[in-house]
Amino acid sequence: MPDLWMGPNLFRFELIVIDRVVTPGEPGNYVLGLKDESGEFIPKVIGRSDTDLRRELMSKLVTAKYPYFKFSVANPKLAFETECAQFHNFGRLLEDKTHPVRPVGPELRCFLCGL
C-alpha cells in the first residue's frame, strides 16, 4: 500500500486520545480509517486544518464512523501537498472523491494534477 507520510503511529479515534496526542493550535493533516483482517490500516477519510488540527479532529468525532486515526503536523503549504498526495494515492479507498481545496493565501496548485 502507498505511504501516508505520517509515520507508524496509529491512534484510537477518541476524545481522550486526541486530547493527549494532538497539540492545540497547530496546522496539519489527519487520516481516519479502520484496520483490515490482517491489521493493516485502511484510510477512509483524509483532511487537514490550516490553523488547528486538534479542533478539526474533535469536530469529526460526532459524525466519524472510523475507530482509528493518524496525523502529522505541517504548515498549510505542506499540509495541502500531503493531502493532495494522499488523495491521488488512496482515492479509490476514500469516502470523499472530491479533490482537496487549496488553502487561503498564496496561490497553490496540486503538484500532481494542477488543481
N, C-alpha and C. Protein backbone atom coordinates (compact mmCIF):
# COMPACT_ATOMS: atom_id res chain seq x y z
N MET A 1 0.85 -1.18 0.00
CA MET A 1 0.00 0.00 0.00
C MET A 1 0.90 1.25 0.00
N PRO A 2 0.50 2.30 -0.72
CA PRO A 2 1.31 3.54 -0.74
C PRO A 2 1.44 4.14 0.67
N ASP A 3 2.40 5.01 0.81
CA ASP A 3 2.69 5.65 2.09
C ASP A 3 1.73 6.81 2.34
N LEU A 4 1.36 7.01 3.61
CA LEU A 4 0.54 8.16 4.01
C LEU A 4 1.41 9.34 4.43
N TRP A 5 2.72 9.15 4.60
CA TRP A 5 3.64 10.18 5.05
C TRP A 5 3.30 10.68 6.44
N MET A 6 2.93 9.74 7.32
CA MET A 6 2.55 10.10 8.68
C MET A 6 3.22 9.23 9.73
N GLY A 7 4.16 8.41 9.34
CA GLY A 7 4.83 7.57 10.32
C GLY A 7 4.00 6.37 10.74
N PRO A 8 4.53 5.58 11.65
CA PRO A 8 3.89 4.31 12.02
C PRO A 8 2.79 4.42 13.06
N ASN A 9 2.71 5.54 13.79
CA ASN A 9 1.75 5.63 14.90
C ASN A 9 0.31 5.63 14.42
N LEU A 10 -0.49 4.82 15.09
CA LEU A 10 -1.93 4.72 14.83
C LEU A 10 -2.62 4.89 16.17
N PHE A 11 -3.65 5.74 16.20
CA PHE A 11 -4.32 6.07 17.45
C PHE A 11 -5.81 5.73 17.38
N ARG A 12 -6.39 5.41 18.54
CA ARG A 12 -7.85 5.25 18.62
C ARG A 12 -8.46 6.64 18.43
N PHE A 13 -9.53 6.71 17.65
CA PHE A 13 -10.18 7.99 17.39
C PHE A 13 -11.20 8.26 18.50
N GLU A 14 -10.66 8.78 19.61
CA GLU A 14 -11.45 9.07 20.80
C GLU A 14 -11.00 10.41 21.37
N LEU A 15 -11.91 11.11 22.03
CA LEU A 15 -11.63 12.43 22.59
C LEU A 15 -10.42 12.41 23.51
N ILE A 16 -10.36 11.47 24.42
CA ILE A 16 -9.26 11.42 25.38
C ILE A 16 -7.91 11.24 24.69
N VAL A 17 -7.88 10.49 23.59
CA VAL A 17 -6.63 10.27 22.85
C VAL A 17 -6.23 11.53 22.10
N ILE A 18 -7.18 12.13 21.40
CA ILE A 18 -6.90 13.38 20.68
C ILE A 18 -6.36 14.42 21.66
N ASP A 19 -7.00 14.52 22.81
CA ASP A 19 -6.61 15.48 23.84
C ASP A 19 -5.16 15.26 24.29
N ARG A 20 -4.74 14.01 24.34
CA ARG A 20 -3.39 13.69 24.81
C ARG A 20 -2.30 13.86 23.75
N VAL A 21 -2.62 13.55 22.48
CA VAL A 21 -1.54 13.46 21.49
C VAL A 21 -1.48 14.61 20.48
N VAL A 22 -2.55 15.39 20.34
CA VAL A 22 -2.56 16.46 19.34
C VAL A 22 -2.51 17.82 20.06
N THR A 23 -1.50 18.59 19.75
CA THR A 23 -1.30 19.90 20.38
C THR A 23 -2.27 20.92 19.79
N PRO A 24 -2.94 21.72 20.64
CA PRO A 24 -3.86 22.74 20.13
C PRO A 24 -3.13 23.81 19.31
N GLY A 25 -3.81 24.34 18.32
CA GLY A 25 -3.31 25.48 17.56
C GLY A 25 -2.28 25.19 16.50
N GLU A 26 -2.05 23.93 16.17
CA GLU A 26 -1.08 23.59 15.13
C GLU A 26 -1.79 23.10 13.88
N PRO A 27 -1.33 23.54 12.71
CA PRO A 27 -1.90 23.04 11.46
C PRO A 27 -1.37 21.65 11.15
N GLY A 28 -2.07 20.93 10.28
CA GLY A 28 -1.58 19.61 9.88
C GLY A 28 -2.63 18.78 9.18
N ASN A 29 -2.31 17.49 9.04
CA ASN A 29 -3.14 16.54 8.31
C ASN A 29 -3.66 15.45 9.23
N TYR A 30 -4.77 14.83 8.80
CA TYR A 30 -5.27 13.66 9.51
C TYR A 30 -5.83 12.67 8.50
N VAL A 31 -5.87 11.43 8.93
CA VAL A 31 -6.50 10.36 8.16
C VAL A 31 -7.29 9.52 9.15
N LEU A 32 -8.57 9.30 8.83
CA LEU A 32 -9.42 8.42 9.63
C LEU A 32 -9.57 7.11 8.87
N GLY A 33 -9.66 6.02 9.60
CA GLY A 33 -9.80 4.75 8.91
C GLY A 33 -10.05 3.59 9.85
N LEU A 34 -9.82 2.41 9.31
CA LEU A 34 -10.05 1.18 10.05
C LEU A 34 -8.93 0.21 9.74
N LYS A 35 -8.96 -0.94 10.40
CA LYS A 35 -7.97 -1.98 10.13
C LYS A 35 -8.65 -3.13 9.40
N ASP A 36 -7.92 -3.74 8.47
CA ASP A 36 -8.45 -4.92 7.79
C ASP A 36 -8.15 -6.16 8.64
N GLU A 37 -8.49 -7.34 8.13
CA GLU A 37 -8.31 -8.59 8.87
C GLU A 37 -6.87 -8.83 9.30
N SER A 38 -5.93 -8.33 8.51
CA SER A 38 -4.52 -8.54 8.83
C SER A 38 -3.96 -7.45 9.74
N GLY A 39 -4.78 -6.47 10.10
CA GLY A 39 -4.34 -5.39 10.98
C GLY A 39 -3.77 -4.19 10.25
N GLU A 40 -3.81 -4.20 8.91
CA GLU A 40 -3.30 -3.07 8.15
C GLU A 40 -4.31 -1.92 8.17
N PHE A 41 -3.81 -0.70 8.38
CA PHE A 41 -4.66 0.49 8.40
C PHE A 41 -5.18 0.79 7.00
N ILE A 42 -6.48 1.01 6.89
CA ILE A 42 -7.13 1.35 5.62
C ILE A 42 -7.68 2.77 5.74
N PRO A 43 -7.11 3.73 5.00
CA PRO A 43 -7.61 5.11 5.08
C PRO A 43 -8.97 5.25 4.41
N LYS A 44 -9.86 6.01 5.05
CA LYS A 44 -11.20 6.24 4.51
C LYS A 44 -11.54 7.71 4.38
N VAL A 45 -10.96 8.54 5.25
CA VAL A 45 -11.22 9.98 5.23
C VAL A 45 -9.87 10.69 5.41
N ILE A 46 -9.56 11.62 4.51
CA ILE A 46 -8.37 12.45 4.67
C ILE A 46 -8.80 13.88 4.88
N GLY A 47 -7.95 14.65 5.52
CA GLY A 47 -8.27 16.05 5.71
C GLY A 47 -7.10 16.80 6.30
N ARG A 48 -7.32 18.08 6.50
CA ARG A 48 -6.28 18.92 7.09
C ARG A 48 -6.94 20.10 7.77
N SER A 49 -6.16 20.75 8.59
CA SER A 49 -6.54 22.05 9.13
C SER A 49 -5.36 22.97 8.93
N ASP A 50 -5.62 24.14 8.41
CA ASP A 50 -4.57 25.12 8.20
C ASP A 50 -4.32 25.95 9.46
N THR A 51 -5.14 25.73 10.51
CA THR A 51 -5.00 26.52 11.73
C THR A 51 -4.95 25.69 13.02
N ASP A 52 -5.84 24.70 13.16
CA ASP A 52 -5.92 23.96 14.43
C ASP A 52 -6.39 22.52 14.17
N LEU A 53 -5.44 21.65 13.98
CA LEU A 53 -5.72 20.24 13.69
C LEU A 53 -6.52 19.58 14.81
N ARG A 54 -6.18 19.89 16.04
CA ARG A 54 -6.89 19.29 17.18
C ARG A 54 -8.38 19.63 17.15
N ARG A 55 -8.69 20.90 16.92
CA ARG A 55 -10.09 21.32 16.86
C ARG A 55 -10.81 20.62 15.69
N GLU A 56 -10.13 20.51 14.55
CA GLU A 56 -10.71 19.84 13.39
C GLU A 56 -11.02 18.38 13.70
N LEU A 57 -10.08 17.68 14.32
CA LEU A 57 -10.31 16.28 14.67
C LEU A 57 -11.48 16.15 15.66
N MET A 58 -11.53 17.01 16.64
CA MET A 58 -12.62 16.95 17.62
C MET A 58 -13.96 17.19 16.97
N SER A 59 -14.00 18.04 15.96
CA SER A 59 -15.27 18.30 15.26
C SER A 59 -15.74 17.08 14.47
N LYS A 60 -14.83 16.18 14.13
CA LYS A 60 -15.18 14.98 13.36
C LYS A 60 -15.68 13.84 14.25
N LEU A 61 -15.48 13.93 15.56
CA LEU A 61 -15.87 12.85 16.46
C LEU A 61 -17.36 12.52 16.40
N VAL A 62 -18.19 13.52 16.23
CA VAL A 62 -19.64 13.33 16.24
C VAL A 62 -20.12 12.49 15.07
N THR A 63 -19.54 12.69 13.90
CA THR A 63 -20.03 12.03 12.69
C THR A 63 -19.14 10.91 12.18
N ALA A 64 -17.92 10.83 12.66
CA ALA A 64 -16.99 9.83 12.12
C ALA A 64 -17.40 8.42 12.53
N LYS A 65 -17.25 7.50 11.61
CA LYS A 65 -17.60 6.12 11.89
C LYS A 65 -16.38 5.20 11.87
N TYR A 66 -15.20 5.80 11.94
CA TYR A 66 -13.97 5.01 11.87
C TYR A 66 -13.25 5.07 13.21
N PRO A 67 -12.71 3.94 13.66
CA PRO A 67 -12.14 3.87 15.00
C PRO A 67 -10.69 4.31 15.16
N TYR A 68 -9.98 4.58 14.06
CA TYR A 68 -8.56 4.91 14.15
C TYR A 68 -8.22 6.18 13.38
N PHE A 69 -7.11 6.81 13.80
CA PHE A 69 -6.62 7.95 13.06
C PHE A 69 -5.11 8.03 13.13
N LYS A 70 -4.57 8.73 12.14
CA LYS A 70 -3.16 9.12 12.08
C LYS A 70 -3.15 10.62 11.87
N PHE A 71 -2.05 11.26 12.24
CA PHE A 71 -1.96 12.70 12.00
C PHE A 71 -0.51 13.10 11.85
N SER A 72 -0.30 14.27 11.27
CA SER A 72 1.02 14.88 11.19
C SER A 72 0.86 16.39 11.25
N VAL A 73 1.81 17.04 11.89
CA VAL A 73 1.82 18.50 11.99
C VAL A 73 2.60 19.03 10.79
N ALA A 74 2.04 20.05 10.14
CA ALA A 74 2.69 20.62 8.95
C ALA A 74 2.16 22.03 8.71
N ASN A 75 2.98 22.86 8.09
CA ASN A 75 2.50 24.19 7.72
C ASN A 75 1.43 24.02 6.64
N PRO A 76 0.59 25.05 6.40
CA PRO A 76 -0.51 24.89 5.44
C PRO A 76 -0.08 24.45 4.04
N LYS A 77 1.06 24.91 3.55
CA LYS A 77 1.51 24.50 2.21
C LYS A 77 1.83 23.01 2.18
N LEU A 78 2.61 22.55 3.14
CA LEU A 78 2.97 21.13 3.20
C LEU A 78 1.74 20.27 3.49
N ALA A 79 0.84 20.77 4.34
CA ALA A 79 -0.38 20.02 4.64
C ALA A 79 -1.22 19.84 3.38
N PHE A 80 -1.33 20.88 2.57
CA PHE A 80 -2.07 20.78 1.31
C PHE A 80 -1.41 19.78 0.38
N GLU A 81 -0.09 19.86 0.24
CA GLU A 81 0.62 18.94 -0.64
C GLU A 81 0.49 17.49 -0.16
N THR A 82 0.54 17.27 1.14
CA THR A 82 0.37 15.93 1.69
C THR A 82 -1.04 15.42 1.43
N GLU A 83 -2.04 16.27 1.65
CA GLU A 83 -3.42 15.88 1.41
C GLU A 83 -3.64 15.54 -0.07
N CYS A 84 -3.04 16.31 -0.96
CA CYS A 84 -3.15 16.02 -2.40
C CYS A 84 -2.53 14.66 -2.73
N ALA A 85 -1.34 14.40 -2.20
CA ALA A 85 -0.68 13.12 -2.45
C ALA A 85 -1.52 11.97 -1.91
N GLN A 86 -2.08 12.13 -0.72
CA GLN A 86 -2.95 11.09 -0.15
C GLN A 86 -4.19 10.89 -1.02
N PHE A 87 -4.77 11.98 -1.48
CA PHE A 87 -5.96 11.87 -2.33
C PHE A 87 -5.65 11.10 -3.61
N HIS A 88 -4.56 11.42 -4.25
CA HIS A 88 -4.22 10.76 -5.51
C HIS A 88 -3.79 9.31 -5.30
N ASN A 89 -3.15 9.01 -4.19
CA ASN A 89 -2.71 7.65 -3.92
C ASN A 89 -3.80 6.73 -3.39
N PHE A 90 -4.76 7.28 -2.64
CA PHE A 90 -5.76 6.46 -1.96
C PHE A 90 -7.19 6.75 -2.41
N GLY A 91 -7.36 7.55 -3.45
CA GLY A 91 -8.69 7.98 -3.88
C GLY A 91 -9.72 6.89 -4.00
N ARG A 92 -9.33 5.72 -4.48
CA ARG A 92 -10.29 4.63 -4.67
C ARG A 92 -10.82 4.10 -3.33
N LEU A 93 -10.08 4.29 -2.24
CA LEU A 93 -10.49 3.81 -0.92
C LEU A 93 -11.28 4.85 -0.13
N LEU A 94 -11.19 6.11 -0.52
CA LEU A 94 -11.74 7.20 0.27
C LEU A 94 -13.24 7.38 0.07
N GLU A 95 -13.91 7.82 1.12
CA GLU A 95 -15.34 8.14 1.04
C GLU A 95 -15.59 9.33 0.12
N ASP A 96 -14.81 10.38 0.31
CA ASP A 96 -15.00 11.62 -0.44
C ASP A 96 -14.10 11.59 -1.67
N LYS A 97 -14.69 11.71 -2.83
CA LYS A 97 -13.93 11.68 -4.08
C LYS A 97 -13.63 13.08 -4.60
N THR A 98 -13.80 14.10 -3.74
CA THR A 98 -13.55 15.49 -4.13
C THR A 98 -12.10 15.86 -3.85
N HIS A 99 -11.44 16.47 -4.82
CA HIS A 99 -10.04 16.88 -4.65
C HIS A 99 -9.92 17.88 -3.49
N PRO A 100 -8.84 17.83 -2.72
CA PRO A 100 -8.64 18.78 -1.63
C PRO A 100 -8.69 20.24 -2.11
N VAL A 101 -9.26 21.07 -1.26
CA VAL A 101 -9.39 22.50 -1.54
C VAL A 101 -8.08 23.19 -1.17
N ARG A 102 -7.68 24.13 -2.00
CA ARG A 102 -6.44 24.88 -1.74
C ARG A 102 -6.58 25.75 -0.51
N PRO A 103 -5.49 25.96 0.23
CA PRO A 103 -5.55 26.85 1.39
C PRO A 103 -5.69 28.31 0.96
N VAL A 104 -6.22 29.10 1.87
CA VAL A 104 -6.34 30.54 1.63
C VAL A 104 -4.94 31.14 1.69
N GLY A 105 -4.68 32.10 0.84
CA GLY A 105 -3.38 32.75 0.85
C GLY A 105 -2.68 32.60 -0.48
N PRO A 106 -1.39 32.34 -0.43
CA PRO A 106 -0.61 32.23 -1.67
C PRO A 106 -1.22 31.19 -2.61
N GLU A 107 -1.18 31.49 -3.87
CA GLU A 107 -1.75 30.61 -4.88
C GLU A 107 -0.97 29.30 -4.94
N LEU A 108 -1.60 28.24 -4.48
CA LEU A 108 -1.01 26.91 -4.54
C LEU A 108 -1.84 26.03 -5.47
N ARG A 109 -1.18 25.15 -6.14
CA ARG A 109 -1.85 24.19 -7.01
C ARG A 109 -1.33 22.80 -6.65
N CYS A 110 -2.16 21.81 -6.88
CA CYS A 110 -1.76 20.43 -6.66
C CYS A 110 -0.58 20.09 -7.56
N PHE A 111 0.48 19.58 -6.98
CA PHE A 111 1.67 19.26 -7.77
C PHE A 111 1.48 18.01 -8.62
N LEU A 112 0.38 17.29 -8.43
CA LEU A 112 0.13 16.08 -9.21
C LEU A 112 -0.85 16.31 -10.37
N CYS A 113 -1.81 17.20 -10.20
CA CYS A 113 -2.79 17.38 -11.27
C CYS A 113 -3.04 18.83 -11.66
N GLY A 114 -2.49 19.77 -10.91
CA GLY A 114 -2.64 21.18 -11.25
C GLY A 114 -3.87 21.86 -10.67
N LEU A 115 -4.75 21.15 -10.01
CA LEU A 115 -5.93 21.80 -9.41
C LEU A 115 -5.56 22.65 -8.22
